[in-house]
């Protein structure tokens, strides 16, 4: 049984309403296309537990489709929810995600009311635990599992990376049909998150991907922010599995937008992407893709392939315009000229471009925020987003944030879109919130009226 808390009003802040208000996304009729429940989500979960009497309750920081920045704090929220419910004594509680992957001891200390922690990828390991439900000794021998025994917290040896070719298609029938409705560029479409590949060949200091890399002992650098042996680390589904899954979603569920959740889409082997493109062309599917990638991979050849894949939009990280700072502090090597060229080439190919920006980075100052706004103005993306710097546990940025006291050693309620937890004196929380609310406006209209806009917001010039 799946309990999907998406459509309970009391469960989350309205990010879909928040982002159009600050001009990051176009308004849509999404909220008129779905129905929200006024029942408290804890009551709904209690009803389900009483009726289903489960052997196991499992929740994770990440969706099945994503390693997980957007869902980073779901382990916390799930735990607080389960605390409000009467759980049968026989029911085992299992959690997984980036927190236990990065620091199982801290996770166990903060979330003690559970039976097992799973580190790294959980799909196969969760099934193995369920197969051994009545054999605690056998479960405790599984690699990747953490548990408490005789008063001592045990962290088992690491399991190997999951082979995606062996992973069956996700069971989308579990989800409420309205889960497939998504706002996109001012319209509400039938859409699905989709995964072609896991892994990323880059080692940016702020990214949760580096936590997974470290877990699998893939930490050696080839220089310039690139992971050595990246081809062995990257794991893709087979073209046959990808095509079958997309075909079912499109022809049975009516999905027309595939939102690729791959960390870097153009890391996927060209043979895989070509096979998918040929299927789309052969069947004349009326679909669109939205992908995320790096400017480094955008050129005339890859853009032709993206057009064949019916790619409607590309999201790329600028993060900030200060190139030297970006390289030294974020381990991200994308020259300004390359970023500019990527946005130009995509525009010429008729593919929409979204620029991702970050504010509140460690040791970033206001001048860097302003230069990033100017750079967005110069490349003129179709969409501009800005996120607060989030200290994801286990990343180099998080460790540095603790060292300079910009962040606590553990931050509860992290959300890059909705709130900043920064304690920096370099750029105040008040100023960061101002730029979050006005970043896109300033990039579109220019900085000439910055002083008066600050004054209107009650910010000292």
Protein backbone atom coordinates (compact mmCIF):
# COMPACT_ATOMS: atom_id res chain seq x y z
CA UNK A 1 0.00 0.00 0.00
CA UNK A 2 1.24 3.50 -0.89
CA UNK A 3 0.38 6.54 1.22
CA UNK A 4 1.08 9.56 -0.99
CA UNK A 5 0.95 12.76 1.05
CA UNK A 6 1.14 15.08 -1.96
CA UNK A 7 -2.48 16.18 -1.90
CA UNK A 8 -3.05 16.76 1.83
CA UNK A 9 -3.33 20.49 2.51
CA UNK A 10 -1.73 20.35 5.94
CA UNK A 11 1.35 18.47 4.77
CA UNK A 12 3.42 20.98 2.80
CA UNK A 13 3.81 24.60 1.83
CA UNK A 14 2.44 25.57 -1.57
CA UNK A 15 5.64 25.73 -3.61
CA UNK A 16 3.63 25.71 -6.85
CA UNK A 17 1.99 28.96 -5.78
CA UNK A 18 5.22 30.40 -4.34
CA UNK A 19 7.43 30.14 -7.42
CA UNK A 20 5.11 31.89 -9.93
CA UNK A 21 4.80 34.72 -7.41
CA UNK A 22 8.54 35.40 -7.63
CA UNK A 23 8.48 34.94 -11.43
CA UNK A 24 10.47 31.69 -11.52
CA UNK A 25 7.61 29.87 -13.24
CA UNK A 26 4.61 30.88 -15.27
CA UNK A 27 1.20 30.73 -13.55
CA UNK A 28 -0.96 27.75 -14.52
CA UNK A 29 -4.36 26.27 -13.73
CA UNK A 30 -2.72 23.37 -11.84
CA UNK A 31 -4.59 23.96 -8.59
CA UNK A 32 -7.91 23.83 -10.43
CA UNK A 33 -6.92 20.50 -12.04
CA UNK A 34 -6.27 18.59 -8.81
CA UNK A 35 -8.17 18.04 -5.57
CA UNK A 36 -6.62 18.44 -2.12
CA UNK A 37 -7.83 16.70 1.01
CA UNK A 38 -8.56 18.60 4.22
CA UNK A 39 -8.07 15.44 6.28
CA UNK A 40 -4.92 15.54 8.37
CA UNK A 41 -2.32 13.29 6.78
CA UNK A 42 -1.60 11.66 10.15
CA UNK A 43 -5.26 10.62 10.36
CA UNK A 44 -5.11 9.17 6.85
CA UNK A 45 -1.98 7.20 7.74
CA UNK A 46 -3.54 5.91 10.98
CA UNK A 47 -6.62 4.73 9.05
CA UNK A 48 -4.40 2.92 6.55
CA UNK A 49 -2.31 1.28 9.27
CA UNK A 50 -5.42 0.10 11.14
CA UNK A 51 -6.93 -1.35 7.96
CA UNK A 52 -3.79 -2.85 6.40
CA UNK A 53 -1.93 -3.92 9.56
CA UNK A 54 1.43 -3.74 7.73
CA UNK A 55 4.49 -5.91 8.31
CA UNK A 56 6.68 -2.96 7.29
CA UNK A 57 6.38 0.80 7.00
CA UNK A 58 9.06 2.21 4.73
CA UNK A 59 9.86 5.75 3.72
CA UNK A 60 12.82 7.43 2.12
CA UNK A 61 14.35 10.84 1.58
CA UNK A 62 14.14 10.33 -2.15
CA UNK A 63 11.54 9.29 -4.65
CA UNK A 64 12.21 6.14 -6.62
CA UNK A 65 13.25 8.37 -9.50
CA UNK A 66 15.75 10.70 -7.90
CA UNK A 67 18.86 10.60 -5.73
CA UNK A 68 17.32 13.54 -4.09
CA UNK A 69 17.94 17.18 -3.43
CA UNK A 70 14.29 18.17 -3.66
CA UNK A 71 13.29 15.32 -1.34
CA UNK A 72 16.31 15.61 0.96
CA UNK A 73 14.27 16.27 4.11
CA UNK A 74 11.54 13.68 3.55
CA UNK A 75 13.14 11.28 6.03
CA UNK A 76 12.64 13.92 8.73
CA UNK A 77 9.07 14.70 7.73
CA UNK A 78 8.18 11.02 7.46
CA UNK A 79 9.62 10.36 10.89
CA UNK A 80 7.62 13.19 12.48
CA UNK A 81 4.51 11.83 10.78
CA UNK A 82 5.05 8.25 11.98
CA UNK A 83 5.55 9.56 15.53
CA UNK A 84 1.91 10.72 15.47
CA UNK A 85 0.57 7.26 14.59
CA UNK A 86 -0.04 4.15 16.70
CA UNK A 87 2.06 1.46 15.04
CA UNK A 88 1.55 -2.28 15.79
CA UNK A 89 4.43 -3.79 17.76
CA UNK A 90 5.05 -6.33 15.01
CA UNK A 91 5.53 -3.66 12.32
CA UNK A 92 9.11 -2.90 11.39
CA UNK A 93 10.01 0.68 10.43
CA UNK A 94 12.62 1.05 7.70
CA UNK A 95 14.10 4.28 6.34
CA UNK A 96 16.69 5.02 3.69
CA UNK A 97 18.23 7.93 1.85
CA UNK A 98 21.11 10.36 1.86
CA UNK A 99 21.21 10.98 5.61
CA UNK A 100 22.03 7.37 6.59
CA UNK A 101 24.30 7.12 3.54
CA UNK A 102 26.30 10.14 4.62
CA UNK A 103 26.24 9.59 8.40
CA UNK A 104 24.38 6.53 9.75
CA UNK A 105 25.39 7.22 13.37
CA UNK A 106 23.95 10.75 13.34
CA UNK A 107 20.81 9.48 11.59
CA UNK A 108 20.34 6.72 14.17
CA UNK A 109 20.73 9.22 16.98
CA UNK A 110 18.22 11.68 15.54
CA UNK A 111 15.70 9.06 14.41
CA UNK A 112 15.91 6.21 16.93
CA UNK A 113 12.36 4.89 16.51
CA UNK A 114 12.93 2.55 13.57
CA UNK A 115 14.03 -1.01 12.94
CA UNK A 116 16.57 -0.62 10.13
CA UNK A 117 18.41 2.02 8.19
CA UNK A 118 19.29 1.33 4.56
CA UNK A 119 22.25 3.15 3.09
CA UNK A 120 22.52 4.20 -0.57
CA UNK A 121 20.15 2.56 -3.06
CA UNK A 122 17.30 0.77 -1.36
CA UNK A 123 15.11 -0.93 -4.00
CA UNK A 124 16.81 -4.33 -4.04
CA UNK A 125 17.82 -4.33 -0.40
CA UNK A 126 14.30 -3.53 0.79
CA UNK A 127 13.00 -6.53 -1.17
CA UNK A 128 15.67 -8.75 0.42
CA UNK A 129 14.63 -7.57 3.89
CA UNK A 130 11.00 -8.36 3.15
CA UNK A 131 11.95 -11.83 1.88
CA UNK A 132 13.56 -12.43 5.30
CA UNK A 133 10.84 -10.76 7.36
CA UNK A 134 10.64 -13.59 9.92
CA UNK A 135 14.41 -14.11 10.12
CA UNK A 136 16.01 -11.21 11.99
CA UNK A 137 19.43 -12.89 12.01
CA UNK A 138 19.42 -13.15 8.21
CA UNK A 139 18.41 -9.49 7.81
CA UNK A 140 21.26 -8.41 10.06
CA UNK A 141 23.76 -10.08 7.73
CA UNK A 142 22.74 -7.98 4.73
CA UNK A 143 25.28 -5.46 3.44
CA UNK A 144 24.07 -1.86 3.54
CA UNK A 145 21.80 -2.40 6.58
CA UNK A 146 22.20 -0.62 9.94
CA UNK A 147 20.42 -1.61 13.15
CA UNK A 148 20.65 -1.64 16.94
CA UNK A 149 21.44 -4.94 18.67
CA UNK A 150 21.99 -5.49 22.40
CA UNK A 151 22.36 -1.77 22.98
CA UNK A 152 24.98 -1.33 20.23
CA UNK A 153 24.44 0.37 16.87
CA UNK A 154 25.71 -1.81 14.03
CA UNK A 155 26.72 -0.48 10.60
CA UNK A 156 27.17 -3.32 8.12
CA UNK A 157 29.61 -3.28 5.25
CA UNK A 158 28.56 -1.44 2.11
CA UNK A 159 26.56 -3.07 -0.64
CA UNK A 160 27.56 -2.60 -4.28
CA UNK A 161 25.89 -0.20 -6.74
CA UNK A 162 22.52 -1.26 -8.06
CA UNK A 163 22.55 -2.56 -11.64
CA UNK A 164 19.73 -0.67 -13.33
CA UNK A 165 19.41 -3.18 -16.17
CA UNK A 166 18.12 -5.67 -13.57
CA UNK A 167 15.64 -3.22 -12.07
CA UNK A 168 12.02 -3.82 -13.13
CA UNK A 169 9.78 -0.97 -14.24
CA UNK A 170 8.23 1.09 -11.48
CA UNK A 171 4.63 0.29 -10.58
CA UNK A 172 3.00 3.61 -11.43
CA UNK A 173 -0.48 2.14 -10.80
CA UNK A 174 0.10 2.71 -7.07
CA UNK A 175 -0.13 6.48 -7.54
CA UNK A 176 -3.23 8.64 -7.52
CA UNK A 177 -3.97 9.45 -11.20
CA UNK A 178 -3.78 13.17 -10.46
CA UNK A 179 -0.13 12.67 -9.49
CA UNK A 180 0.52 12.73 -13.24
CA UNK A 181 -0.76 16.30 -13.54
CA UNK A 182 2.10 18.82 -13.48
CA UNK A 183 2.42 22.55 -14.17
CA UNK A 184 4.84 23.27 -17.01
CA UNK A 185 5.46 26.58 -18.76
CA UNK A 186 2.03 27.93 -17.93
CA UNK A 187 0.10 24.76 -18.77
CA UNK A 188 -0.98 21.71 -16.79
CA UNK A 189 0.16 18.56 -18.57
CA UNK A 190 0.12 14.84 -17.93
CA UNK A 191 3.70 14.26 -16.89
CA UNK A 192 5.96 11.81 -15.09
CA UNK A 193 9.40 11.96 -13.52
CA UNK A 194 11.61 9.57 -15.41
CA UNK A 195 15.03 8.01 -14.88
CA UNK A 196 17.39 6.85 -17.62
CA UNK A 197 20.63 6.74 -15.64
CA UNK A 198 22.13 7.00 -12.17
CA UNK A 199 25.36 8.73 -11.39
CA UNK A 200 27.18 11.85 -12.50
CA UNK A 201 30.76 12.21 -13.75
CA UNK A 202 31.26 15.50 -11.86
CA UNK A 203 32.25 16.21 -8.26
CA UNK A 204 30.72 19.57 -7.31
CA UNK A 205 31.28 20.27 -3.61
CA UNK A 206 27.65 21.16 -2.89
CA UNK A 207 25.98 18.23 -4.64
CA UNK A 208 24.47 15.16 -2.99
CA UNK A 209 25.88 13.08 -5.84
CA UNK A 210 29.28 13.23 -4.12
CA UNK A 211 27.79 11.49 -1.07
CA UNK A 212 26.82 8.54 -3.28
CA UNK A 213 30.23 8.60 -4.97
CA UNK A 214 31.97 8.45 -1.59
CA UNK A 215 29.76 5.59 -0.41
CA UNK A 216 30.77 3.51 -3.42
CA UNK A 217 34.44 4.50 -2.99
CA UNK A 218 34.47 6.50 -6.22
CA UNK A 219 36.39 9.54 -5.04
CA UNK A 220 39.48 9.78 -7.23
CA UNK A 221 39.58 12.91 -9.37
CA UNK A 222 40.65 13.16 -12.99
CA UNK A 223 40.99 16.92 -12.53
CA UNK A 224 38.78 19.89 -13.40
CA UNK A 225 35.93 18.58 -11.22
CA UNK A 226 35.62 15.28 -13.11
CA UNK A 227 35.42 11.86 -11.44
CA UNK A 228 38.10 9.38 -12.47
CA UNK A 229 36.56 6.17 -13.80
CA UNK A 230 33.23 7.90 -14.30
CA UNK A 231 32.15 5.51 -17.08
CA UNK A 232 32.26 2.60 -14.63
CA UNK A 233 30.33 4.59 -12.02
CA UNK A 234 27.50 5.62 -14.36
CA UNK A 235 24.68 3.07 -14.67
CA UNK A 236 21.88 3.24 -17.22
CA UNK A 237 18.74 1.26 -17.87
CA UNK A 238 18.72 -0.77 -21.07
CA UNK A 239 17.19 0.91 -24.15
CA UNK A 240 14.55 -1.84 -24.23
CA UNK A 241 13.46 -1.17 -20.64
CA UNK A 242 13.44 2.60 -21.14
CA UNK A 243 11.33 2.31 -24.29
CA UNK A 244 8.86 -0.15 -22.72
CA UNK A 245 8.39 2.07 -19.67
CA UNK A 246 7.94 5.24 -21.73
CA UNK A 247 5.53 3.45 -24.06
CA UNK A 248 3.33 2.32 -21.16
CA UNK A 249 3.33 5.76 -19.57
CA UNK A 250 2.45 7.48 -22.83
CA UNK A 251 -0.04 5.06 -24.32
CA UNK A 252 -1.73 3.83 -21.11
CA UNK A 253 -1.36 6.77 -18.72
CA UNK A 254 -1.44 9.49 -21.38
CA UNK A 255 1.84 11.06 -20.27
CA UNK A 256 3.07 13.68 -22.74
CA UNK A 257 5.90 15.26 -20.68
CA UNK A 258 8.79 13.16 -19.39
CA UNK A 259 10.67 15.10 -16.74
CA UNK A 260 14.11 13.50 -16.78
CA UNK A 261 15.54 13.31 -13.26
CA UNK A 262 19.00 12.26 -14.43
CA UNK A 263 21.75 14.28 -12.79
CA UNK A 264 23.42 14.94 -16.15
CA UNK A 265 21.32 13.73 -19.09
CA UNK A 266 24.08 13.97 -21.68
CA UNK A 267 26.18 11.50 -19.67
CA UNK A 268 23.85 8.80 -20.99
CA UNK A 269 25.49 6.65 -23.68
CA UNK A 270 24.68 7.95 -27.16
CA UNK A 271 23.59 4.47 -28.27
CA UNK A 272 20.89 4.42 -25.57
CA UNK A 273 19.60 7.87 -26.49
CA UNK A 274 19.68 7.10 -30.22
CA UNK A 275 17.58 3.96 -29.69
CA UNK A 276 15.00 5.97 -27.75
CA UNK A 277 14.99 8.69 -30.42
CA UNK A 278 14.40 6.11 -33.14
CA UNK A 279 11.43 4.69 -31.21
CA UNK A 280 9.90 8.15 -30.75
CA UNK A 281 10.28 8.84 -34.48
CA UNK A 282 9.00 5.43 -35.56
CA UNK A 283 5.88 5.62 -33.39
CA UNK A 284 5.39 9.36 -33.89
CA UNK A 285 4.84 9.84 -30.15
CA UNK A 286 3.36 13.20 -29.22
CA UNK A 287 5.66 13.70 -26.23
CA UNK A 288 8.17 16.18 -24.83
CA UNK A 289 11.23 15.80 -22.61
CA UNK A 290 12.63 18.19 -20.05
CA UNK A 291 16.23 17.41 -19.08
CA UNK A 292 19.05 18.71 -16.92
CA UNK A 293 22.64 18.73 -18.10
CA UNK A 294 25.86 20.74 -18.09
CA UNK A 295 26.76 23.46 -20.60
CA UNK A 296 29.89 21.43 -21.42
CA UNK A 297 27.84 18.84 -23.30
CA UNK A 298 25.85 21.23 -25.49
CA UNK A 299 27.04 21.42 -29.10
CA UNK A 300 25.59 21.10 -32.61
CA UNK A 301 25.70 17.28 -32.48
CA UNK A 302 24.01 16.85 -29.10
CA UNK A 303 21.40 19.47 -29.92
CA UNK A 304 20.38 17.50 -33.04
CA UNK A 305 19.95 14.43 -30.82
CA UNK A 306 17.89 16.43 -28.30
CA UNK A 307 15.60 17.57 -31.11
CA UNK A 308 15.14 13.96 -32.20
CA UNK A 309 14.18 13.11 -28.60
CA UNK A 310 11.50 15.85 -28.69
CA UNK A 311 13.35 17.73 -25.96
CA UNK A 312 11.37 20.85 -25.10
CA UNK A 313 13.56 22.27 -22.37
CA UNK A 314 17.02 22.08 -20.82
CA UNK A 315 17.92 23.13 -17.29
CA UNK A 316 21.57 24.00 -16.68
CA UNK A 317 23.38 25.13 -13.55
CA UNK A 318 25.05 28.51 -13.70
CA UNK A 319 25.14 28.62 -9.88
CA UNK A 320 26.95 31.96 -9.93
CA UNK A 321 28.82 34.06 -12.48
CA UNK A 322 32.11 34.45 -10.58
CA UNK A 323 34.14 31.87 -12.52
CA UNK A 324 37.19 31.75 -10.23
CA UNK A 325 35.01 31.45 -7.13
CA UNK A 326 32.92 28.73 -8.78
CA UNK A 327 36.01 26.69 -9.59
CA UNK A 328 37.76 27.17 -6.25
CA UNK A 329 34.75 26.79 -3.94
CA UNK A 330 32.33 24.59 -5.89
CA UNK A 331 34.80 22.48 -7.91
CA UNK A 332 32.67 23.33 -10.93
CA UNK A 333 34.52 24.10 -14.16
CA UNK A 334 32.25 25.63 -16.79
CA UNK A 335 33.80 28.73 -18.39
CA UNK A 336 31.53 31.72 -18.94
CA UNK A 337 32.09 31.48 -22.70
CA UNK A 338 30.95 27.85 -22.72
CA UNK A 339 27.81 28.64 -20.72
CA UNK A 340 26.99 31.56 -23.01
CA UNK A 341 27.50 29.43 -26.10
CA UNK A 342 25.31 26.61 -24.74
CA UNK A 343 22.40 28.98 -24.13
CA UNK A 344 22.86 30.47 -27.62
CA UNK A 345 23.00 27.09 -29.39
CA UNK A 346 19.87 25.86 -27.61
CA UNK A 347 17.98 29.04 -28.49
CA UNK A 348 18.91 28.62 -32.15
CA UNK A 349 17.63 25.02 -32.02
CA UNK A 350 14.27 26.11 -30.60
CA UNK A 351 14.85 24.43 -27.22
CA UNK A 352 13.77 26.31 -24.10
CA UNK A 353 16.52 27.08 -21.60
CA UNK A 354 16.32 27.30 -17.81
CA UNK A 355 19.18 28.77 -15.79
CA UNK A 356 19.71 27.44 -12.27
CA UNK A 357 21.32 29.87 -9.80
CA UNK A 358 22.32 29.64 -6.13
CA UNK A 359 22.50 32.41 -3.54
CA UNK A 360 23.84 32.23 0.01
CA UNK A 361 26.88 30.14 -0.90
CA UNK A 362 29.65 30.07 1.67
CA UNK A 363 31.80 33.21 1.44
CA UNK A 364 29.70 34.59 -1.41
CA UNK A 365 29.08 38.33 -1.12
CA UNK A 366 26.37 40.61 -2.46
CA UNK A 367 28.54 41.72 -5.37
CA UNK A 368 28.61 38.10 -6.60
CA UNK A 369 24.83 37.91 -6.44
CA UNK A 370 24.60 41.09 -8.51
CA UNK A 371 27.11 39.83 -11.10
CA UNK A 372 25.08 36.61 -11.40
CA UNK A 373 21.93 38.63 -12.00
CA UNK A 374 23.74 40.57 -14.75
CA UNK A 375 24.97 37.35 -16.33
CA UNK A 376 21.43 35.95 -16.43
CA UNK A 377 20.40 39.17 -18.10
CA UNK A 378 23.08 38.72 -20.78
CA UNK A 379 22.19 35.09 -21.67
CA UNK A 380 18.44 35.79 -21.42
CA UNK A 381 17.12 32.30 -20.50
CA UNK A 382 13.50 31.38 -21.09
CA UNK A 383 13.22 30.59 -17.37
CA UNK A 384 15.36 31.65 -14.43
CA UNK A 385 15.36 29.86 -11.09
CA UNK A 386 17.26 30.68 -7.92
CA UNK A 387 17.78 28.44 -4.89
CA UNK A 388 19.14 29.04 -1.43
CA UNK A 389 22.40 27.24 -0.69
CA UNK A 390 21.51 24.06 1.19
CA UNK A 391 24.09 22.26 3.37
CA UNK A 392 23.45 18.65 2.33
CA UNK A 393 24.94 16.33 4.94
CA UNK A 394 28.24 14.74 3.92
CA UNK A 395 29.13 17.17 1.13
CA UNK A 396 32.34 19.19 1.23
CA UNK A 397 30.28 22.37 1.27
CA UNK A 398 28.40 21.17 4.34
CA UNK A 399 31.63 20.37 6.18
CA UNK A 400 33.03 23.78 5.30
CA UNK A 401 29.79 25.47 6.38
CA UNK A 402 30.09 23.90 9.83
CA UNK A 403 33.76 24.89 10.03
CA UNK A 404 33.09 28.59 9.36
CA UNK A 405 29.82 28.48 11.37
CA UNK A 406 27.53 29.47 8.50
CA UNK A 407 25.49 26.34 9.24
CA UNK A 408 24.97 23.96 12.15
CA UNK A 409 26.41 20.44 11.95
CA UNK A 410 22.90 19.22 11.17
CA UNK A 411 20.17 21.41 9.70
CA UNK A 412 16.55 20.43 10.09
CA UNK A 413 13.95 21.61 7.55
CA UNK A 414 16.34 22.26 4.67
CA UNK A 415 14.55 23.45 1.53
CA UNK A 416 16.48 25.27 -1.17
CA UNK A 417 13.32 26.76 -2.67
CA UNK A 418 11.46 27.92 0.41
CA UNK A 419 13.90 28.95 3.12
CA UNK A 420 17.50 29.79 3.93
CA UNK A 421 19.13 28.48 7.10
CA UNK A 422 22.33 30.46 6.60
CA UNK A 423 23.86 32.20 9.61
CA UNK A 424 26.42 34.05 7.49
CA UNK A 425 27.25 37.62 8.42
CA UNK A 426 28.53 38.23 4.86
CA UNK A 427 25.06 38.27 3.31
CA UNK A 428 22.28 38.40 5.89
CA UNK A 429 19.26 36.12 5.89
CA UNK A 430 17.09 39.18 5.29
CA UNK A 431 19.12 40.12 2.21
CA UNK A 432 19.09 36.57 0.86
CA UNK A 433 15.31 36.44 1.18
CA UNK A 434 15.10 39.75 -0.68
CA UNK A 435 17.17 38.46 -3.58
CA UNK A 436 15.23 35.19 -3.67
CA UNK A 437 12.01 37.16 -4.08
CA UNK A 438 13.42 39.64 -6.58
CA UNK A 439 16.19 37.79 -8.48
CA UNK A 440 14.16 37.13 -11.63
CA UNK A 441 12.61 40.59 -11.63
CA UNK A 442 16.04 42.20 -11.44
CA UNK A 443 17.42 39.93 -14.16
CA UNK A 444 14.52 40.82 -16.48
CA UNK A 445 14.24 44.53 -15.69
CA UNK A 446 17.84 45.38 -14.82
CA UNK A 447 19.49 46.68 -11.68
CA UNK A 448 18.94 50.39 -12.29
CA UNK A 449 16.12 50.57 -9.73
CA UNK A 450 17.72 48.24 -7.17
CA UNK A 451 17.95 50.93 -4.47
CA UNK A 452 14.28 51.84 -4.73
CA UNK A 453 13.20 48.16 -4.84
CA UNK A 454 15.26 47.54 -1.68
CA UNK A 455 13.64 50.57 -0.05
CA UNK A 456 10.16 49.27 -0.90
CA UNK A 457 11.09 45.95 0.75
CA UNK A 458 12.47 47.68 3.85
CA UNK A 459 16.07 46.67 3.05
CA UNK A 460 18.84 49.16 3.81
CA UNK A 461 20.64 50.26 0.64
